[in-house]
Amino acid sequence: HQETSLISIYPNPTTGIVNIETDKGIGTKIGIAVISSLGAEIYHKENVEATKFQVDLSNQSNGVYLLMINSSGQQPIKKIVVLKK
């Protein structure tokens, strides 16, 4: 059967720091990539083993970013809004 992983991303909108939490156990590696609205990959990290992980987008402009999480063959894409004060 297809194993779906629950991934929570907060806060959204964010002022810069994005928390990513997965329900996968320790030892499960995921890949994280963030794509800007212009299609450029502005962040990439492979083999993240943490169940809770932070991505810092505080040096990016306000706007919508795509967060791609590659987890055991699945690649859910989430929209993140960066909205700095």
PDB file of N, CA and C in Angstrom:
ATOM      1  N   HIS A   1       0.829  -1.195   0.000  1.00  0.00           N
ATOM      2  CA  HIS A   1       0.000   0.000   0.000  1.00  0.00           C
ATOM      3  C   HIS A   1       0.866   1.247   0.000  1.00  0.00           C
ATOM      4  N   GLN A   2       0.289   2.315  -0.483  1.00  0.00           N
ATOM      5  CA  GLN A   2       1.026   3.577  -0.567  1.00  0.00           C
ATOM      6  C   GLN A   2       1.071   4.228   0.809  1.00  0.00           C
ATOM      7  N   GLU A   3       2.264   4.504   1.279  1.00  0.00           N
ATOM      8  CA  GLU A   3       2.410   5.136   2.585  1.00  0.00           C
ATOM      9  C   GLU A   3       2.464   6.639   2.406  1.00  0.00           C
ATOM     10  N   THR A   4       1.483   7.320   2.986  1.00  0.00           N
ATOM     11  CA  THR A   4       1.473   8.769   2.877  1.00  0.00           C
ATOM     12  C   THR A   4       2.055   9.370   4.146  1.00  0.00           C
ATOM     13  N   SER A   5       2.897  10.350   3.979  1.00  0.00           N
ATOM     14  CA  SER A   5       3.489  10.987   5.139  1.00  0.00           C
ATOM     15  C   SER A   5       2.792  12.312   5.384  1.00  0.00           C
ATOM     16  N   LEU A   6       2.525  12.579   6.634  1.00  0.00           N
ATOM     17  CA  LEU A   6       1.925  13.852   6.997  1.00  0.00           C
ATOM     18  C   LEU A   6       3.045  14.862   7.193  1.00  0.00           C
ATOM     19  N   ILE A   7       2.938  15.969   6.499  1.00  0.00           N
ATOM     20  CA  ILE A   7       3.948  16.999   6.593  1.00  0.00           C
ATOM     21  C   ILE A   7       3.251  18.294   6.966  1.00  0.00           C
ATOM     22  N   SER A   8       3.664  18.899   8.066  1.00  0.00           N
ATOM     23  CA  SER A   8       3.099  20.202   8.407  1.00  0.00           C
ATOM     24  C   SER A   8       4.172  21.262   8.241  1.00  0.00           C
ATOM     25  N   ILE A   9       3.732  22.384   7.698  1.00  0.00           N
ATOM     26  CA  ILE A   9       4.623  23.496   7.412  1.00  0.00           C
ATOM     27  C   ILE A   9       4.009  24.731   8.057  1.00  0.00           C
ATOM     28  N   TYR A  10       4.750  25.379   8.908  1.00  0.00           N
ATOM     29  CA  TYR A  10       4.215  26.549   9.604  1.00  0.00           C
ATOM     30  C   TYR A  10       5.363  27.461  10.008  1.00  0.00           C
ATOM     31  N   PRO A  11       5.165  28.741  10.277  1.00  0.00           N
ATOM     32  CA  PRO A  11       3.908  29.440   9.974  1.00  0.00           C
ATOM     33  C   PRO A  11       3.823  29.733   8.476  1.00  0.00           C
ATOM     34  N   ASN A  12       2.633  29.919   7.985  1.00  0.00           N
ATOM     35  CA  ASN A  12       2.419  30.225   6.578  1.00  0.00           C
ATOM     36  C   ASN A  12       1.200  31.134   6.482  1.00  0.00           C
ATOM     37  N   PRO A  13       1.348  32.408   6.135  1.00  0.00           N
ATOM     38  CA  PRO A  13       2.553  33.104   5.697  1.00  0.00           C
ATOM     39  C   PRO A  13       3.623  33.173   6.796  1.00  0.00           C
ATOM     40  N   THR A  14       4.867  33.326   6.347  1.00  0.00           N
ATOM     41  CA  THR A  14       5.990  33.396   7.270  1.00  0.00           C
ATOM     42  C   THR A  14       6.750  34.698   7.066  1.00  0.00           C
ATOM     43  N   THR A  15       7.430  35.145   8.118  1.00  0.00           N
ATOM     44  CA  THR A  15       8.286  36.321   7.964  1.00  0.00           C
ATOM     45  C   THR A  15       9.700  35.896   7.592  1.00  0.00           C
ATOM     46  N   GLY A  16       9.938  34.588   7.504  1.00  0.00           N
ATOM     47  CA  GLY A  16      11.259  34.123   7.084  1.00  0.00           C
ATOM     48  C   GLY A  16      11.566  32.695   7.473  1.00  0.00           C
ATOM     49  N   ILE A  17      11.339  32.351   8.737  1.00  0.00           N
ATOM     50  CA  ILE A  17      11.650  30.993   9.187  1.00  0.00           C
ATOM     51  C   ILE A  17      10.451  30.088   8.934  1.00  0.00           C
ATOM     52  N   VAL A  18      10.692  28.970   8.240  1.00  0.00           N
ATOM     53  CA  VAL A  18       9.634  27.994   7.974  1.00  0.00           C
ATOM     54  C   VAL A  18       9.986  26.707   8.712  1.00  0.00           C
ATOM     55  N   ASN A  19       9.061  26.210   9.501  1.00  0.00           N
ATOM     56  CA  ASN A  19       9.245  24.941  10.197  1.00  0.00           C
ATOM     57  C   ASN A  19       8.591  23.836   9.388  1.00  0.00           C
ATOM     58  N   ILE A  20       9.313  22.752   9.181  1.00  0.00           N
ATOM     59  CA  ILE A  20       8.775  21.595   8.457  1.00  0.00           C
ATOM     60  C   ILE A  20       8.814  20.421   9.419  1.00  0.00           C
ATOM     61  N   GLU A  21       7.648  19.822   9.644  1.00  0.00           N
ATOM     62  CA  GLU A  21       7.596  18.652  10.522  1.00  0.00           C
ATOM     63  C   GLU A  21       7.018  17.481   9.745  1.00  0.00           C
ATOM     64  N   THR A  22       7.650  16.324   9.873  1.00  0.00           N
ATOM     65  CA  THR A  22       7.120  15.129   9.226  1.00  0.00           C
ATOM     66  C   THR A  22       6.817  14.093  10.292  1.00  0.00           C
ATOM     67  N   ASP A  23       5.951  13.166   9.949  1.00  0.00           N
ATOM     68  CA  ASP A  23       5.623  12.101  10.896  1.00  0.00           C
ATOM     69  C   ASP A  23       6.496  10.881  10.673  1.00  0.00           C
ATOM     70  N   LYS A  24       7.483  11.024   9.788  1.00  0.00           N
ATOM     71  CA  LYS A  24       8.395   9.910   9.538  1.00  0.00           C
ATOM     72  C   LYS A  24       9.316   9.717  10.732  1.00  0.00           C
ATOM     73  N   GLY A  25       9.743   8.503  10.925  1.00  0.00           N
ATOM     74  CA  GLY A  25      10.652   8.223  12.031  1.00  0.00           C
ATOM     75  C   GLY A  25      12.058   8.709  11.739  1.00  0.00           C
ATOM     76  N   ILE A  26      12.846   8.772  12.771  1.00  0.00           N
ATOM     77  CA  ILE A  26      14.264   9.133  12.617  1.00  0.00           C
ATOM     78  C   ILE A  26      14.922   8.090  11.712  1.00  0.00           C
ATOM     79  N   GLY A  27      15.794   8.567  10.830  1.00  0.00           N
ATOM     80  CA  GLY A  27      16.452   7.644   9.918  1.00  0.00           C
ATOM     81  C   GLY A  27      15.858   7.697   8.527  1.00  0.00           C
ATOM     82  N   THR A  28      14.646   8.249   8.423  1.00  0.00           N
ATOM     83  CA  THR A  28      14.048   8.454   7.105  1.00  0.00           C
ATOM     84  C   THR A  28      14.624   9.739   6.531  1.00  0.00           C
ATOM     85  N   LYS A  29      15.227   9.631   5.367  1.00  0.00           N
ATOM     86  CA  LYS A  29      15.828  10.813   4.772  1.00  0.00           C
ATOM     87  C   LYS A  29      14.855  11.469   3.796  1.00  0.00           C
ATOM     88  N   ILE A  30      14.776  12.785   3.864  1.00  0.00           N
ATOM     89  CA  ILE A  30      13.961  13.532   2.915  1.00  0.00           C
ATOM     90  C   ILE A  30      14.840  14.584   2.250  1.00  0.00           C
ATOM     91  N   GLY A  31      14.407  15.022   1.091  1.00  0.00           N
ATOM     92  CA  GLY A  31      15.076  16.120   0.400  1.00  0.00           C
ATOM     93  C   GLY A  31      14.147  17.316   0.384  1.00  0.00           C
ATOM     94  N   ILE A  32      14.715  18.492   0.532  1.00  0.00           N
ATOM     95  CA  ILE A  32      13.915  19.708   0.567  1.00  0.00           C
ATOM     96  C   ILE A  32      14.462  20.676  -0.464  1.00  0.00           C
ATOM     97  N   ALA A  33      13.572  21.246  -1.262  1.00  0.00           N
ATOM     98  CA  ALA A  33      13.971  22.281  -2.219  1.00  0.00           C
ATOM     99  C   ALA A  33      12.937  23.395  -2.175  1.00  0.00           C
ATOM    100  N   VAL A  34      13.403  24.625  -2.328  1.00  0.00           N
ATOM    101  CA  VAL A  34      12.501  25.771  -2.389  1.00  0.00           C
ATOM    102  C   VAL A  34      12.726  26.455  -3.730  1.00  0.00           C
ATOM    103  N   ILE A  35      11.618  26.692  -4.444  1.00  0.00           N
ATOM    104  CA  ILE A  35      11.664  27.303  -5.770  1.00  0.00           C
ATOM    105  C   ILE A  35      10.990  28.679  -5.692  1.00  0.00           C
ATOM    106  N   SER A  36      11.654  29.690  -6.242  1.00  0.00           N
ATOM    107  CA  SER A  36      11.070  31.037  -6.234  1.00  0.00           C
ATOM    108  C   SER A  36      10.001  31.150  -7.315  1.00  0.00           C
ATOM    109  N   SER A  37       9.255  32.266  -7.273  1.00  0.00           N
ATOM    110  CA  SER A  37       8.201  32.482  -8.273  1.00  0.00           C
ATOM    111  C   SER A  37       8.779  32.617  -9.676  1.00  0.00           C
ATOM    112  N   LEU A  38      10.079  32.896  -9.776  1.00  0.00           N
ATOM    113  CA  LEU A  38      10.725  32.984 -11.091  1.00  0.00           C
ATOM    114  C   LEU A  38      11.243  31.628 -11.560  1.00  0.00           C
ATOM    115  N   GLY A  39      11.050  30.593 -10.740  1.00  0.00           N
ATOM    116  CA  GLY A  39      11.462  29.256 -11.140  1.00  0.00           C
ATOM    117  C   GLY A  39      12.884  28.902 -10.742  1.00  0.00           C
ATOM    118  N   ALA A  40      13.546  29.778  -9.996  1.00  0.00           N
ATOM    119  CA  ALA A  40      14.921  29.499  -9.571  1.00  0.00           C
ATOM    120  C   ALA A  40      14.920  28.707  -8.269  1.00  0.00           C
ATOM    121  N   GLU A  41      15.817  27.738  -8.182  1.00  0.00           N
ATOM    122  CA  GLU A  41      15.939  26.990  -6.934  1.00  0.00           C
ATOM    123  C   GLU A  41      16.806  27.807  -5.980  1.00  0.00           C
ATOM    124  N   ILE A  42      16.191  28.257  -4.882  1.00  0.00           N
ATOM    125  CA  ILE A  42      16.915  29.137  -3.964  1.00  0.00           C
ATOM    126  C   ILE A  42      17.392  28.388  -2.726  1.00  0.00           C
ATOM    127  N   TYR A  43      16.932  27.165  -2.551  1.00  0.00           N
ATOM    128  CA  TYR A  43      17.351  26.387  -1.385  1.00  0.00           C
ATOM    129  C   TYR A  43      17.265  24.917  -1.743  1.00  0.00           C
ATOM    130  N   HIS A  44      18.269  24.164  -1.310  1.00  0.00           N
ATOM    131  CA  HIS A  44      18.231  22.727  -1.576  1.00  0.00           C
ATOM    132  C   HIS A  44      19.004  22.010  -0.489  1.00  0.00           C
ATOM    133  N   LYS A  45      18.401  20.980   0.057  1.00  0.00           N
ATOM    134  CA  LYS A  45      19.101  20.176   1.057  1.00  0.00           C
ATOM    135  C   LYS A  45      18.656  18.734   0.890  1.00  0.00           C
ATOM    136  N   GLU A  46      19.623  17.845   0.757  1.00  0.00           N
ATOM    137  CA  GLU A  46      19.321  16.425   0.607  1.00  0.00           C
ATOM    138  C   GLU A  46      19.608  15.694   1.911  1.00  0.00           C
ATOM    139  N   ASN A  47      19.003  14.529   2.036  1.00  0.00           N
ATOM    140  CA  ASN A  47      19.302  13.619   3.149  1.00  0.00           C
ATOM    141  C   ASN A  47      19.101  14.259   4.526  1.00  0.00           C
ATOM    142  N   VAL A  48      18.001  14.984   4.652  1.00  0.00           N
ATOM    143  CA  VAL A  48      17.643  15.545   5.950  1.00  0.00           C
ATOM    144  C   VAL A  48      17.030  14.419   6.778  1.00  0.00           C
ATOM    145  N   GLU A  49      17.589  14.176   7.949  1.00  0.00           N
ATOM    146  CA  GLU A  49      17.096  13.064   8.759  1.00  0.00           C
ATOM    147  C   GLU A  49      16.194  13.512   9.901  1.00  0.00           C
ATOM    148  N   ALA A  50      16.073  14.803  10.099  1.00  0.00           N
ATOM    149  CA  ALA A  50      15.288  15.285  11.234  1.00  0.00           C
ATOM    150  C   ALA A  50      13.794  15.170  10.962  1.00  0.00           C
ATOM    151  N   THR A  51      13.010  14.952  12.003  1.00  0.00           N
ATOM    152  CA  THR A  51      11.550  14.981  11.851  1.00  0.00           C
ATOM    153  C   THR A  51      11.059  16.412  11.932  1.00  0.00           C
ATOM    154  N   LYS A  52      11.886  17.305  12.450  1.00  0.00           N
ATOM    155  CA  LYS A  52      11.554  18.736  12.466  1.00  0.00           C
ATOM    156  C   LYS A  52      12.741  19.490  11.907  1.00  0.00           C
ATOM    157  N   PHE A  53      12.483  20.389  10.984  1.00  0.00           N
ATOM    158  CA  PHE A  53      13.547  21.036  10.245  1.00  0.00           C
ATOM    159  C   PHE A  53      13.161  22.480   9.975  1.00  0.00           C
ATOM    160  N   GLN A  54      14.138  23.373   9.965  1.00  0.00           N
ATOM    161  CA  GLN A  54      13.857  24.777   9.682  1.00  0.00           C
ATOM    162  C   GLN A  54      14.536  25.221   8.404  1.00  0.00           C
ATOM    163  N   VAL A  55      13.800  25.995   7.606  1.00  0.00           N
ATOM    164  CA  VAL A  55      14.361  26.621   6.415  1.00  0.00           C
ATOM    165  C   VAL A  55      14.264  28.124   6.628  1.00  0.00           C
ATOM    166  N   ASP A  56      15.365  28.823   6.410  1.00  0.00           N
ATOM    167  CA  ASP A  56      15.392  30.267   6.620  1.00  0.00           C
ATOM    168  C   ASP A  56      15.247  30.982   5.281  1.00  0.00           C
ATOM    169  N   LEU A  57      14.101  31.639   5.106  1.00  0.00           N
ATOM    170  CA  LEU A  57      13.861  32.398   3.871  1.00  0.00           C
ATOM    171  C   LEU A  57      13.867  33.893   4.146  1.00  0.00           C
ATOM    172  N   SER A  58      14.414  34.297   5.289  1.00  0.00           N
ATOM    173  CA  SER A  58      14.329  35.706   5.679  1.00  0.00           C
ATOM    174  C   SER A  58      15.140  36.628   4.759  1.00  0.00           C
ATOM    175  N   ASN A  59      16.055  36.049   3.969  1.00  0.00           N
ATOM    176  CA  ASN A  59      16.822  36.886   3.039  1.00  0.00           C
ATOM    177  C   ASN A  59      16.160  36.944   1.666  1.00  0.00           C
ATOM    178  N   GLN A  60      14.975  36.356   1.536  1.00  0.00           N
ATOM    179  CA  GLN A  60      14.259  36.370   0.258  1.00  0.00           C
ATOM    180  C   GLN A  60      13.218  37.490   0.247  1.00  0.00           C
ATOM    181  N   SER A  61      12.777  37.852  -0.959  1.00  0.00           N
ATOM    182  CA  SER A  61      11.760  38.880  -1.100  1.00  0.00           C
ATOM    183  C   SER A  61      10.387  38.331  -0.721  1.00  0.00           C
ATOM    184  N   ASN A  62       9.469  39.247  -0.429  1.00  0.00           N
ATOM    185  CA  ASN A  62       8.084  38.834  -0.213  1.00  0.00           C
ATOM    186  C   ASN A  62       7.550  38.168  -1.468  1.00  0.00           C
ATOM    187  N   GLY A  63       6.711  37.161  -1.296  1.00  0.00           N
ATOM    188  CA  GLY A  63       6.132  36.493  -2.452  1.00  0.00           C
ATOM    189  C   GLY A  63       5.794  35.055  -2.149  1.00  0.00           C
ATOM    190  N   VAL A  64       5.412  34.337  -3.200  1.00  0.00           N
ATOM    191  CA  VAL A  64       5.018  32.942  -3.071  1.00  0.00           C
ATOM    192  C   VAL A  64       6.176  32.056  -3.506  1.00  0.00           C
ATOM    193  N   TYR A  65       6.483  31.053  -2.694  1.00  0.00           N
ATOM    194  CA  TYR A  65       7.555  30.105  -2.996  1.00  0.00           C
ATOM    195  C   TYR A  65       6.981  28.698  -2.980  1.00  0.00           C
ATOM    196  N   LEU A  66       7.562  27.822  -3.769  1.00  0.00           N
ATOM    197  CA  LEU A  66       7.139  26.430  -3.781  1.00  0.00           C
ATOM    198  C   LEU A  66       8.133  25.611  -2.981  1.00  0.00           C
ATOM    199  N   LEU A  67       7.603  24.850  -2.040  1.00  0.00           N
ATOM    200  CA  LEU A  67       8.430  23.985  -1.216  1.00  0.00           C
ATOM    201  C   LEU A  67       8.203  22.560  -1.679  1.00  0.00           C
ATOM    202  N   MET A  68       9.254  21.923  -2.167  1.00  0.00           N
ATOM    203  CA  MET A  68       9.148  20.541  -2.640  1.00  0.00           C
ATOM    204  C   MET A  68       9.840  19.639  -1.642  1.00  0.00           C
ATOM    205  N   ILE A  69       9.135  18.640  -1.203  1.00  0.00           N
ATOM    206  CA  ILE A  69       9.691  17.696  -0.237  1.00  0.00           C
ATOM    207  C   ILE A  69       9.695  16.324  -0.879  1.00  0.00           C
ATOM    208  N   ASN A  70      10.886  15.771  -1.040  1.00  0.00           N
ATOM    209  CA  ASN A  70      11.017  14.465  -1.668  1.00  0.00           C
ATOM    210  C   ASN A  70      11.162  13.422  -0.570  1.00  0.00           C
ATOM    211  N   SER A  71      10.091  12.645  -0.388  1.00  0.00           N
ATOM    212  CA  SER A  71      10.060  11.697   0.714  1.00  0.00           C
ATOM    213  C   SER A  71       9.589  10.354   0.189  1.00  0.00           C
ATOM    214  N   SER A  72      10.445   9.368   0.223  1.00  0.00           N
ATOM    215  CA  SER A  72      10.156   7.989  -0.208  1.00  0.00           C
ATOM    216  C   SER A  72       9.351   7.944  -1.503  1.00  0.00           C
ATOM    217  N   GLY A  73       9.879   8.624  -2.522  1.00  0.00           N
ATOM    218  CA  GLY A  73       9.243   8.557  -3.836  1.00  0.00           C
ATOM    219  C   GLY A  73       8.149   9.566  -4.051  1.00  0.00           C
ATOM    220  N   GLN A  74       7.554  10.056  -2.981  1.00  0.00           N
ATOM    221  CA  GLN A  74       6.515  11.069  -3.137  1.00  0.00           C
ATOM    222  C   GLN A  74       7.163  12.442  -3.171  1.00  0.00           C
ATOM    223  N   GLN A  75       6.524  13.362  -3.857  1.00  0.00           N
ATOM    224  CA  GLN A  75       7.066  14.715  -3.900  1.00  0.00           C
ATOM    225  C   GLN A  75       5.947  15.731  -3.760  1.00  0.00           C
ATOM    226  N   PRO A  76       5.411  15.855  -2.539  1.00  0.00           N
ATOM    227  CA  PRO A  76       4.375  16.866  -2.357  1.00  0.00           C
ATOM    228  C   PRO A  76       4.953  18.262  -2.541  1.00  0.00           C
ATOM    229  N   ILE A  77       4.160  19.144  -3.104  1.00  0.00           N
ATOM    230  CA  ILE A  77       4.579  20.527  -3.308  1.00  0.00           C
ATOM    231  C   ILE A  77       3.645  21.415  -2.502  1.00  0.00           C
ATOM    232  N   LYS A  78       4.216  22.261  -1.674  1.00  0.00           N
ATOM    233  CA  LYS A  78       3.419  23.171  -0.853  1.00  0.00           C
ATOM    234  C   LYS A  78       3.784  24.593  -1.219  1.00  0.00           C
ATOM    235  N   LYS A  79       2.785  25.475  -1.136  1.00  0.00           N
ATOM    236  CA  LYS A  79       3.046  26.888  -1.378  1.00  0.00           C
ATOM    237  C   LYS A  79       3.335  27.568  -0.050  1.00  0.00           C
ATOM    238  N   ILE A  80       4.388  28.368  -0.042  1.00  0.00           N
ATOM    239  CA  ILE A  80       4.720  29.165   1.140  1.00  0.00           C
ATOM    240  C   ILE A  80       4.674  30.625   0.743  1.00  0.00           C
ATOM    241  N   VAL A  81       4.047  31.437   1.585  1.00  0.00           N
ATOM    242  CA  VAL A  81       4.023  32.875   1.342  1.00  0.00           C
ATOM    243  C   VAL A  81       4.975  33.540   2.318  1.00  0.00           C
ATOM    244  N   VAL A  82       5.953  34.281   1.759  1.00  0.00           N
ATOM    245  CA  VAL A  82       6.863  35.055   2.594  1.00  0.00           C
ATOM    246  C   VAL A  82       6.303  36.477   2.653  1.00  0.00           C
ATOM    247  N   LEU A  83       6.007  36.930   3.850  1.00  0.00           N
ATOM    248  CA  LEU A  83       5.383  38.237   4.058  1.00  0.00           C
ATOM    249  C   LEU A  83       6.067  38.898   5.239  1.00  0.00           C
ATOM    250  N   LYS A  84       7.103  39.676   4.920  1.00  0.00           N
ATOM    251  CA  LYS A  84       7.852  40.341   5.990  1.00  0.00           C
ATOM    252  C   LYS A  84       7.161  41.649   6.355  1.00  0.00           C
ATOM    253  N   LYS A  85       7.283  42.023   7.585  1.00  0.00           N
ATOM    254  CA  LYS A  85       6.636  43.237   8.080  1.00  0.00           C
ATOM    255  C   LYS A  85       7.229  44.475   7.408  1.00  0.00           C
TER     256      LYS A  85
END
